Amino acid sequence: MNDWFDAEQHVDRAHELYELGRWDEAETELRQALARNPYQAEWHFNLGLTLEAAGKNGEAVEAFSRSFELSPDDGQAALLAGVNALRADQPEAAIEWFDRAQQNGSEPGAAHAHRIEAFAQLGRHDSAEETFYIAQELDPANAEIYSAMAESLLDRRLYEKAVWCLREAARLDPDMPRVQARLAEAYAATGRHERARQLYLRELRSDPGDIETLLDLGSLLADMGRPDEAGEKFRRVLEIEPDNVEAHFSLGDLAERGGDENTALEQYEVVLRLDSSYSEARRRLAGLVLGRVRAGELEVAHRLLRMELQDVRERPQAFGEEDLNQLGELLLDAGLAREAAGVFESVVEKAPRSAKAHHMLGVALAEAGRLNEAIERTRRAVELDPRLTASMHNLALAYLRLGQWRRVRYWLRQGLGVRKDDSALRRLRTRVRMRAALRVLRWLAPVRRRRLV
């Protein structure tokens, strides 16, 4: 009897702490209650809500799952288990939970909306569309299904269709969180920047402290060439949340665009103090340091770039082609050609038909002293893009280092045939002609001396 009374007291205390936003303490109270009586589905459900609020989505799935086991008719527990599985990057498990939710009385619109989101996360956009059409039949007035479908369309850059879905969502539920901001994102992607700006401002009128919208509007203003207004939005974010890494990074980006390297360096350093794993800040900081090339700073750049390389090895899926290209070029600037070659090999694996990828791999291999491999990659770049004069220049240069003059002249002719005014090719041609003239003079010199005797 005492255990039951103690458990009830822990639950009451957990409710109070939850309302105060003290989620870790509320979790502790609920776990103590469940230690005394683990068969209360409602308490497991409340634990799930507490864990969800604290951002512990994986643990929340377990709590909602246990609640559903104890109360199999509770479709809401299954639905929330699915939502948290989705937030914990477990979309396949989430779909199974949404199926259970629908079978046990959960609203079909909610389950279908989240199912669309899960299919989009898996890249199964056809399944997302099929679910959307089914949901339209079952619950045509549900704004969430249009909102979820818009995310799938945005992922595929089908911006006009995404705009239509978001406008429907806003019509059906004008108070839906951030619907105007997401509509603004779609308009911005189609180049309608002024319309996007107005929608972001409309969103901020209803929620002036929305950090995500302030950041998005700041980025849009920066792209519109309005840096002062953009900076004001980012600084507003820091007034609300002083440790916001995105705001510090964005201020660094603005400073770098404006040529204020000192401020950019300061902001990127703040970002890395707050989040040492922030890849883009590491690359930007390394690039600025390399640009200065002051004594002792090159080692700082090397350290940052090697940290980035370690991240690439541990989380390859987190780095896109553009990220890897940027990293590879910075490694070349830092004199780390062998490491750069490894990065560009990864780019070639991601984009085997990219002439630029093969060209840059050729550059890195040449700088690393692997000349024959460099020639092979650079020739491949020309095969993929017969007008890539930069690769033709590099082939001529490589064969010059090998002393294969006929091939040097061949690639010079090929390059100048594509672009007669290419200054790099013309300079190399002049250099080759001068070297050829010197060879003739050296050959003639002994003959002249004999004639003078």
Protein backbone atom coordinates (compact mmCIF):
# COMPACT_ATOMS: atom_id res chain seq x y z
CA MET A 1 0.00 0.00 0.00
CA ASN A 2 2.85 2.37 0.81
CA ASP A 3 4.49 1.63 -2.57
CA TRP A 4 1.26 2.56 -4.36
CA PHE A 5 0.93 5.79 -2.38
CA ASP A 6 4.60 6.68 -3.04
CA ALA A 7 4.16 6.00 -6.74
CA GLU A 8 1.13 8.30 -6.94
CA GLN A 9 3.09 11.05 -5.20
CA HIS A 10 5.94 10.70 -7.73
CA VAL A 11 3.44 10.96 -10.60
CA ASP A 12 1.83 14.10 -9.13
CA ARG A 13 5.25 15.66 -8.67
CA ALA A 14 6.16 14.71 -12.26
CA HIS A 15 3.08 16.56 -13.57
CA GLU A 16 4.12 19.71 -11.72
CA LEU A 17 7.69 19.52 -13.03
CA TYR A 18 6.49 18.86 -16.58
CA GLU A 19 4.37 22.01 -16.51
CA LEU A 20 7.43 23.97 -15.34
CA GLY A 21 9.51 22.61 -18.25
CA ARG A 22 11.84 20.72 -15.89
CA TRP A 23 11.71 17.56 -17.97
CA ASP A 24 14.75 15.73 -16.62
CA GLU A 25 13.38 15.98 -13.10
CA ALA A 26 9.91 14.95 -14.27
CA GLU A 27 11.46 11.92 -15.99
CA THR A 28 13.19 10.92 -12.74
CA GLU A 29 9.90 11.14 -10.80
CA LEU A 30 8.03 9.04 -13.36
CA ARG A 31 10.73 6.39 -13.47
CA GLN A 32 10.58 6.16 -9.68
CA ALA A 33 6.80 5.70 -9.88
CA LEU A 34 7.17 2.99 -12.54
CA ALA A 35 9.81 1.23 -10.46
CA ARG A 36 7.09 0.76 -7.83
CA ASN A 37 4.29 -0.08 -10.28
CA PRO A 38 5.42 -0.83 -13.87
CA TYR A 39 1.96 -1.85 -15.12
CA GLN A 40 0.35 1.59 -15.48
CA ALA A 41 -0.05 2.35 -19.20
CA GLU A 42 -0.87 6.00 -18.48
CA TRP A 43 2.37 6.51 -16.58
CA HIS A 44 4.41 5.05 -19.45
CA PHE A 45 2.48 7.36 -21.80
CA ASN A 46 3.32 10.37 -19.61
CA LEU A 47 6.97 9.28 -19.55
CA GLY A 48 6.88 9.20 -23.35
CA LEU A 49 5.52 12.76 -23.47
CA THR A 50 8.22 13.92 -21.04
CA LEU A 51 11.02 12.27 -23.03
CA GLU A 52 9.62 13.71 -26.26
CA ALA A 53 9.61 17.21 -24.76
CA ALA A 54 13.26 16.71 -23.69
CA GLY A 55 14.23 15.66 -27.22
CA LYS A 56 14.97 12.05 -26.19
CA ASN A 57 13.04 10.57 -29.08
CA GLY A 58 14.58 7.09 -29.06
CA GLU A 59 13.70 6.63 -25.38
CA ALA A 60 10.25 8.10 -25.99
CA VAL A 61 9.58 5.35 -28.55
CA GLU A 62 10.28 2.74 -25.85
CA ALA A 63 7.94 4.45 -23.37
CA PHE A 64 5.04 4.78 -25.84
CA SER A 65 5.66 1.20 -27.00
CA ARG A 66 5.34 -0.07 -23.43
CA SER A 67 2.19 2.00 -22.97
CA PHE A 68 0.70 0.43 -26.11
CA GLU A 69 1.61 -3.08 -24.92
CA LEU A 70 -0.30 -2.46 -21.69
CA SER A 71 -3.22 -0.80 -23.50
CA PRO A 72 -3.41 -2.26 -27.05
CA ASP A 73 -6.51 -0.22 -27.97
CA ASP A 74 -4.70 3.10 -27.45
CA GLY A 75 -4.08 4.30 -31.00
CA GLN A 76 -2.63 7.56 -29.69
CA ALA A 77 0.25 5.73 -27.97
CA ALA A 78 1.04 3.92 -31.25
CA LEU A 79 0.83 7.19 -33.18
CA LEU A 80 3.26 8.96 -30.84
CA ALA A 81 5.61 5.96 -30.89
CA GLY A 82 5.70 6.39 -34.67
CA VAL A 83 6.21 10.16 -34.51
CA ASN A 84 9.18 9.74 -32.17
CA ALA A 85 10.63 6.90 -34.26
CA LEU A 86 10.50 9.29 -37.19
CA ARG A 87 12.30 12.00 -35.20
CA ALA A 88 14.89 9.40 -34.16
CA ASP A 89 15.64 8.63 -37.86
CA GLN A 90 13.81 5.31 -37.80
CA PRO A 91 11.29 5.85 -40.64
CA GLU A 92 10.66 2.15 -41.37
CA ALA A 93 9.80 1.45 -37.73
CA ALA A 94 7.65 4.60 -37.74
CA ILE A 95 5.54 3.32 -40.65
CA GLU A 96 4.79 0.12 -38.72
CA TRP A 97 3.64 2.19 -35.74
CA PHE A 98 1.40 4.34 -37.93
CA ASP A 99 -0.24 1.18 -39.29
CA ARG A 100 -0.95 0.04 -35.73
CA ALA A 101 -2.25 3.49 -34.82
CA GLN A 102 -4.74 3.45 -37.68
CA GLN A 103 -5.89 -0.07 -36.84
CA ASN A 104 -6.56 1.02 -33.25
CA GLY A 105 -8.69 4.08 -33.67
CA SER A 106 -6.21 6.87 -34.32
CA GLU A 107 -7.43 9.63 -36.64
CA PRO A 108 -6.60 8.50 -40.22
CA GLY A 109 -5.49 11.98 -41.30
CA ALA A 110 -2.82 12.22 -38.61
CA ALA A 111 -1.47 8.72 -39.27
CA HIS A 112 -1.39 9.31 -43.03
CA ALA A 113 0.31 12.70 -42.67
CA HIS A 114 3.15 11.18 -40.68
CA ARG A 115 3.29 8.18 -43.01
CA ILE A 116 3.85 10.60 -45.93
CA GLU A 117 6.69 12.18 -43.96
CA ALA A 118 8.24 8.76 -43.29
CA PHE A 119 8.08 7.71 -46.95
CA ALA A 120 9.68 11.03 -47.97
CA GLN A 121 12.47 10.49 -45.43
CA LEU A 122 13.11 7.07 -47.01
CA GLY A 123 13.16 8.62 -50.49
CA ARG A 124 10.05 6.63 -51.44
CA HIS A 125 8.26 9.61 -52.93
CA ASP A 126 5.88 7.54 -55.08
CA SER A 127 4.58 5.85 -51.91
CA ALA A 128 4.28 9.28 -50.29
CA GLU A 129 2.06 10.45 -53.18
CA GLU A 130 -0.10 7.32 -53.05
CA THR A 131 -0.63 7.86 -49.32
CA PHE A 132 -1.48 11.49 -49.94
CA TYR A 133 -4.22 10.62 -52.43
CA ILE A 134 -5.68 8.02 -50.05
CA ALA A 135 -5.60 10.57 -47.21
CA GLN A 136 -7.37 13.14 -49.39
CA GLU A 137 -10.25 10.70 -49.84
CA LEU A 138 -10.45 9.86 -46.12
CA ASP A 139 -9.92 13.32 -44.62
CA PRO A 140 -9.89 16.05 -47.29
CA ALA A 141 -9.98 18.91 -44.76
CA ASN A 142 -6.82 17.81 -42.90
CA ALA A 143 -4.15 20.48 -43.35
CA GLU A 144 -1.36 18.17 -42.10
CA ILE A 145 -1.53 15.89 -45.15
CA TYR A 146 -0.94 18.85 -47.50
CA SER A 147 1.88 20.11 -45.30
CA ALA A 148 3.58 16.69 -45.25
CA MET A 149 3.20 16.27 -49.01
CA ALA A 150 4.82 19.67 -49.52
CA GLU A 151 7.99 18.43 -47.79
CA SER A 152 8.24 15.52 -50.23
CA LEU A 153 7.78 17.92 -53.15
CA LEU A 154 10.38 20.35 -51.78
CA ASP A 155 12.87 17.47 -51.46
CA ARG A 156 12.38 16.82 -55.19
CA ARG A 157 12.53 20.54 -56.06
CA LEU A 158 8.96 20.47 -57.37
CA TYR A 159 8.46 23.95 -56.00
CA GLU A 160 5.26 24.97 -57.79
CA LYS A 161 3.43 21.85 -56.56
CA ALA A 162 4.82 22.44 -53.08
CA VAL A 163 3.47 26.01 -53.17
CA TRP A 164 0.00 24.68 -54.03
CA CYS A 165 0.08 22.16 -51.16
CA LEU A 166 1.24 24.75 -48.64
CA ARG A 167 -1.38 27.25 -49.76
CA GLU A 168 -4.03 24.56 -49.23
CA ALA A 169 -2.59 23.80 -45.78
CA ALA A 170 -2.70 27.51 -44.88
CA ARG A 171 -6.29 27.82 -46.15
CA LEU A 172 -7.44 24.81 -44.12
CA ASP A 173 -5.52 25.78 -40.97
CA PRO A 174 -4.30 29.41 -40.94
CA ASP A 175 -2.82 28.87 -37.47
CA MET A 176 -0.61 25.93 -38.47
CA PRO A 177 2.90 26.58 -37.05
CA ARG A 178 5.33 27.98 -39.63
CA VAL A 179 3.09 27.33 -42.63
CA GLN A 180 3.75 30.87 -43.96
CA ALA A 181 7.49 30.42 -43.41
CA ARG A 182 7.55 27.15 -45.34
CA LEU A 183 5.54 28.73 -48.12
CA ALA A 184 8.11 31.53 -48.14
CA GLU A 185 10.89 28.92 -48.51
CA ALA A 186 9.17 27.50 -51.59
CA TYR A 187 8.72 30.96 -53.12
CA ALA A 188 12.37 31.82 -52.43
CA ALA A 189 13.47 28.64 -54.20
CA THR A 190 11.64 29.79 -57.35
CA GLY A 191 13.31 33.21 -57.22
CA ARG A 192 10.27 35.13 -55.91
CA HIS A 193 12.27 36.70 -53.13
CA GLU A 194 10.04 39.68 -52.37
CA ARG A 195 6.97 37.46 -52.01
CA ALA A 196 8.98 35.18 -49.73
CA ARG A 197 10.11 38.15 -47.63
CA GLN A 198 6.51 39.27 -47.11
CA LEU A 199 5.45 35.78 -46.02
CA TYR A 200 8.32 35.52 -43.52
CA LEU A 201 7.25 38.89 -42.08
CA ARG A 202 3.65 37.65 -41.83
CA GLU A 203 4.87 34.61 -39.90
CA LEU A 204 6.88 36.82 -37.54
CA ARG A 205 3.86 39.03 -36.87
CA SER A 206 2.11 36.01 -35.37
CA ASP A 207 5.27 34.76 -33.59
CA PRO A 208 7.95 37.49 -33.31
CA GLY A 209 10.38 35.25 -31.43
CA ASP A 210 10.40 32.30 -33.86
CA ILE A 211 14.12 31.63 -34.20
CA GLU A 212 13.88 29.39 -37.26
CA THR A 213 11.87 31.99 -39.18
CA LEU A 214 14.27 34.78 -38.15
CA LEU A 215 17.20 32.71 -39.44
CA ASP A 216 15.42 31.91 -42.71
CA LEU A 217 14.48 35.55 -43.26
CA GLY A 218 18.05 36.64 -42.50
CA SER A 219 19.41 34.20 -45.09
CA LEU A 220 16.89 35.42 -47.65
CA LEU A 221 17.82 39.06 -47.03
CA ALA A 222 21.51 38.18 -47.42
CA ASP A 223 20.74 36.55 -50.78
CA MET A 224 18.75 39.65 -51.77
CA GLY A 225 21.84 41.80 -51.17
CA ARG A 226 20.49 43.44 -48.00
CA PRO A 227 23.25 42.59 -45.50
CA ASP A 228 22.35 45.21 -42.88
CA GLU A 229 18.79 43.90 -42.55
CA ALA A 230 20.06 40.30 -42.57
CA GLY A 231 22.53 41.06 -39.79
CA GLU A 232 19.76 42.63 -37.72
CA LYS A 233 17.73 39.38 -37.93
CA PHE A 234 20.71 37.23 -36.91
CA ARG A 235 21.51 39.53 -33.99
CA ARG A 236 17.84 39.35 -32.95
CA VAL A 237 18.23 35.57 -32.76
CA LEU A 238 21.26 36.01 -30.48
CA GLU A 239 19.27 38.30 -28.20
CA ILE A 240 16.79 35.45 -27.74
CA GLU A 241 19.34 32.61 -27.74
CA PRO A 242 22.94 33.84 -27.29
CA ASP A 243 24.47 30.42 -28.05
CA ASN A 244 22.69 29.86 -31.37
CA VAL A 245 25.39 28.48 -33.67
CA GLU A 246 23.46 29.16 -36.88
CA ALA A 247 23.16 32.85 -36.07
CA HIS A 248 26.88 33.14 -35.28
CA PHE A 249 27.76 31.26 -38.47
CA SER A 250 25.45 33.46 -40.54
CA LEU A 251 27.03 36.61 -39.11
CA GLY A 252 30.43 35.17 -40.01
CA ASP A 253 29.21 34.46 -43.54
CA LEU A 254 27.89 38.02 -43.88
CA ALA A 255 31.20 39.44 -42.67
CA GLU A 256 33.14 37.23 -45.08
CA ARG A 257 30.96 38.30 -48.00
CA GLY A 258 31.56 41.92 -47.02
CA GLY A 259 35.33 41.47 -46.84
CA ASP A 260 35.54 41.80 -43.04
CA GLU A 261 37.80 38.81 -42.40
CA ASN A 262 38.50 39.63 -38.75
CA THR A 263 34.81 39.54 -37.82
CA ALA A 264 34.30 36.40 -39.91
CA LEU A 265 37.17 34.68 -38.10
CA GLU A 266 35.77 35.69 -34.71
CA GLN A 267 32.29 34.39 -35.54
CA TYR A 268 33.54 31.06 -36.94
CA GLU A 269 35.70 30.58 -33.85
CA VAL A 270 32.61 31.16 -31.67
CA VAL A 271 30.72 28.56 -33.71
CA LEU A 272 33.45 25.98 -33.16
CA ARG A 273 33.62 26.74 -29.44
CA LEU A 274 29.88 26.07 -29.24
CA ASP A 275 29.91 23.09 -31.60
CA SER A 276 33.30 21.64 -32.52
CA SER A 277 31.67 19.30 -35.07
CA TYR A 278 30.27 22.14 -37.25
CA SER A 279 31.83 21.14 -40.58
CA GLU A 280 31.13 24.23 -42.64
CA ALA A 281 32.59 26.52 -39.96
CA ARG A 282 35.78 24.41 -39.87
CA ARG A 283 36.17 24.69 -43.65
CA ARG A 284 35.46 28.42 -43.68
CA LEU A 285 37.89 29.09 -40.84
CA ALA A 286 40.57 26.98 -42.50
CA GLY A 287 40.04 28.86 -45.77
CA LEU A 288 40.43 32.25 -44.08
CA VAL A 289 43.55 31.11 -42.22
CA LEU A 290 45.08 29.77 -45.45
CA GLY A 291 44.32 33.08 -47.14
CA ARG A 292 46.42 34.87 -44.53
CA VAL A 293 49.34 32.42 -44.50
CA ARG A 294 50.94 33.96 -41.44
CA ALA A 295 53.58 32.12 -39.43
CA GLY A 296 52.08 29.45 -37.22
CA GLU A 297 48.60 29.69 -38.76
CA LEU A 298 49.16 26.98 -41.37
CA GLU A 299 49.28 24.39 -38.60
CA VAL A 300 45.90 25.65 -37.35
CA ALA A 301 44.45 25.12 -40.84
CA HIS A 302 45.97 21.63 -41.01
CA ARG A 303 44.43 20.72 -37.65
CA LEU A 304 40.98 21.95 -38.70
CA LEU A 305 41.13 20.16 -42.03
CA ARG A 306 42.26 16.88 -40.47
CA MET A 307 39.33 17.11 -38.04
CA GLU A 308 37.08 17.52 -41.06
CA LEU A 309 38.69 14.50 -42.75
CA GLN A 310 38.03 12.41 -39.68
CA ASP A 311 34.38 13.46 -39.78
CA VAL A 312 34.17 12.47 -43.46
CA ARG A 313 35.49 9.00 -42.62
CA GLU A 314 33.11 8.55 -39.68
CA ARG A 315 29.99 10.11 -41.24
CA PRO A 316 30.36 9.88 -45.05
CA GLN A 317 26.60 10.15 -45.56
CA ALA A 318 26.59 13.63 -43.98
CA PHE A 319 28.81 15.14 -46.73
CA GLY A 320 27.48 15.98 -50.16
CA GLU A 321 29.44 16.46 -53.37
CA GLU A 322 29.73 20.23 -52.84
CA ASP A 323 31.05 19.79 -49.28
CA LEU A 324 33.69 17.31 -50.44
CA ASN A 325 34.78 19.54 -53.33
CA GLN A 326 35.24 22.45 -50.95
CA LEU A 327 37.22 20.31 -48.53
CA GLY A 328 39.41 18.89 -51.31
CA GLU A 329 40.27 22.34 -52.63
CA LEU A 330 41.14 23.57 -49.14
CA LEU A 331 43.42 20.56 -48.64
CA LEU A 332 45.18 21.41 -51.89
CA ASP A 333 45.58 25.04 -50.76
CA ALA A 334 47.07 23.76 -47.50
CA GLY A 335 49.60 21.57 -49.32
CA LEU A 336 47.91 18.32 -48.24
CA ALA A 337 47.71 16.84 -51.73
CA ARG A 338 47.65 13.17 -50.66
CA GLU A 339 44.64 13.80 -48.39
CA ALA A 340 42.97 15.89 -51.12
CA ALA A 341 43.32 12.99 -53.56
CA GLY A 342 41.46 10.74 -51.13
CA VAL A 343 38.63 13.27 -50.86
CA PHE A 344 38.32 13.70 -54.63
CA GLU A 345 38.26 9.92 -55.04
CA SER A 346 35.13 9.99 -52.85
CA VAL A 347 33.66 12.69 -55.12
CA VAL A 348 34.31 10.52 -58.19
CA GLU A 349 32.55 7.61 -56.47
CA LYS A 350 29.51 9.84 -55.85
CA ALA A 351 29.57 11.37 -59.35
CA PRO A 352 31.47 9.05 -61.74
CA ARG A 353 30.41 11.07 -64.81
CA SER A 354 31.44 14.45 -63.43
CA ALA A 355 34.27 15.90 -65.53
CA LYS A 356 35.08 18.37 -62.75
CA ALA A 357 35.48 15.54 -60.22
CA HIS A 358 37.96 13.67 -62.43
CA HIS A 359 39.79 16.93 -63.22
CA MET A 360 40.24 17.82 -59.54
CA LEU A 361 41.34 14.27 -58.71
CA GLY A 362 43.92 14.61 -61.48
CA VAL A 363 45.16 17.89 -59.97
CA ALA A 364 45.51 16.32 -56.51
CA LEU A 365 47.29 13.23 -57.84
CA ALA A 366 49.74 15.39 -59.82
CA GLU A 367 50.54 17.48 -56.74
CA ALA A 368 51.00 14.26 -54.75
CA GLY A 369 53.60 13.10 -57.30
CA ARG A 370 51.42 10.33 -58.81
CA LEU A 371 51.82 11.65 -62.34
CA ASN A 372 50.72 8.64 -64.39
CA GLU A 373 47.50 8.27 -62.37
CA ALA A 374 46.96 12.02 -62.71
CA ILE A 375 47.21 11.77 -66.49
CA GLU A 376 44.71 8.90 -66.56
CA ARG A 377 42.15 10.83 -64.51
CA THR A 378 42.65 14.04 -66.46
CA ARG A 379 42.21 12.26 -69.79
CA ARG A 380 38.94 10.85 -68.40
CA ALA A 381 37.83 14.41 -67.59
CA VAL A 382 38.43 15.42 -71.23
CA GLU A 383 36.49 12.37 -72.44
CA LEU A 384 33.52 13.48 -70.34
CA ASP A 385 33.85 17.14 -71.37
CA PRO A 386 35.77 17.65 -74.66
CA ARG A 387 35.76 21.43 -74.10
CA LEU A 388 37.46 21.35 -70.69
CA THR A 389 40.57 23.37 -71.52
CA ALA A 390 41.80 23.36 -67.91
CA SER A 391 42.31 19.58 -68.18
CA MET A 392 44.03 19.94 -71.55
CA HIS A 393 46.41 22.49 -69.99
CA ASN A 394 47.18 20.09 -67.14
CA LEU A 395 47.81 17.20 -69.55
CA ALA A 396 50.26 19.34 -71.52
CA LEU A 397 51.96 20.31 -68.26
CA ALA A 398 52.18 16.68 -67.08
CA TYR A 399 53.71 15.50 -70.34
CA LEU A 400 56.14 18.44 -70.18
CA ARG A 401 57.34 17.14 -66.80
CA LEU A 402 57.78 13.71 -68.39
CA GLY A 403 59.66 15.20 -71.36
CA GLN A 404 57.14 13.87 -73.91
CA TRP A 405 57.20 16.86 -76.25
CA ARG A 406 54.98 15.47 -78.98
CA ARG A 407 52.14 14.94 -76.52
CA VAL A 408 52.71 18.37 -74.99
CA ARG A 409 52.24 19.99 -78.40
CA TYR A 410 49.19 17.78 -79.12
CA TRP A 411 47.33 18.92 -75.99
CA LEU A 412 48.28 22.55 -76.54
CA ARG A 413 46.80 22.36 -80.06
CA GLN A 414 43.64 20.68 -78.71
CA GLY A 415 43.15 23.29 -76.00
CA LEU A 416 43.81 26.31 -78.20
CA GLY A 417 41.49 24.80 -80.82
CA VAL A 418 38.70 25.01 -78.27
CA ARG A 419 39.63 28.42 -76.84
CA LYS A 420 42.16 30.50 -78.77
CA ASP A 421 42.41 33.20 -76.11
CA ASP A 422 43.04 30.85 -73.13
CA SER A 423 45.82 32.76 -71.34
CA ALA A 424 47.16 29.74 -69.40
CA LEU A 425 47.50 27.66 -72.59
CA ARG A 426 49.13 30.54 -74.46
CA ARG A 427 51.65 31.09 -71.65
CA LEU A 428 52.48 27.38 -71.65
CA ARG A 429 52.88 27.39 -75.45
CA THR A 430 55.32 30.32 -75.18
CA ARG A 431 57.24 28.45 -72.46
CA VAL A 432 57.45 25.33 -74.66
CA ARG A 433 58.65 27.34 -77.65
CA MET A 434 61.32 29.10 -75.56
CA ARG A 435 62.51 25.76 -74.16
CA ALA A 436 62.66 24.31 -77.70
CA ALA A 437 64.68 27.34 -78.88
CA LEU A 438 67.12 26.92 -75.97
CA ARG A 439 67.61 23.25 -76.87
CA VAL A 440 68.49 24.26 -80.45
CA LEU A 441 70.95 26.89 -79.19
CA ARG A 442 72.63 24.39 -76.88
CA TRP A 443 73.00 21.98 -79.80
CA LEU A 444 74.45 24.66 -82.07
CA ALA A 445 76.93 26.08 -79.50
CA PRO A 446 79.65 23.40 -79.93
CA VAL A 447 79.47 23.78 -83.72
CA ARG A 448 79.97 27.56 -83.47
CA ARG A 449 82.93 27.13 -81.14
CA ARG A 450 84.58 24.74 -83.60
CA ARG A 451 84.13 27.24 -86.43
CA LEU A 452 85.80 30.02 -84.41
CA VAL A 453 88.91 27.93 -83.75
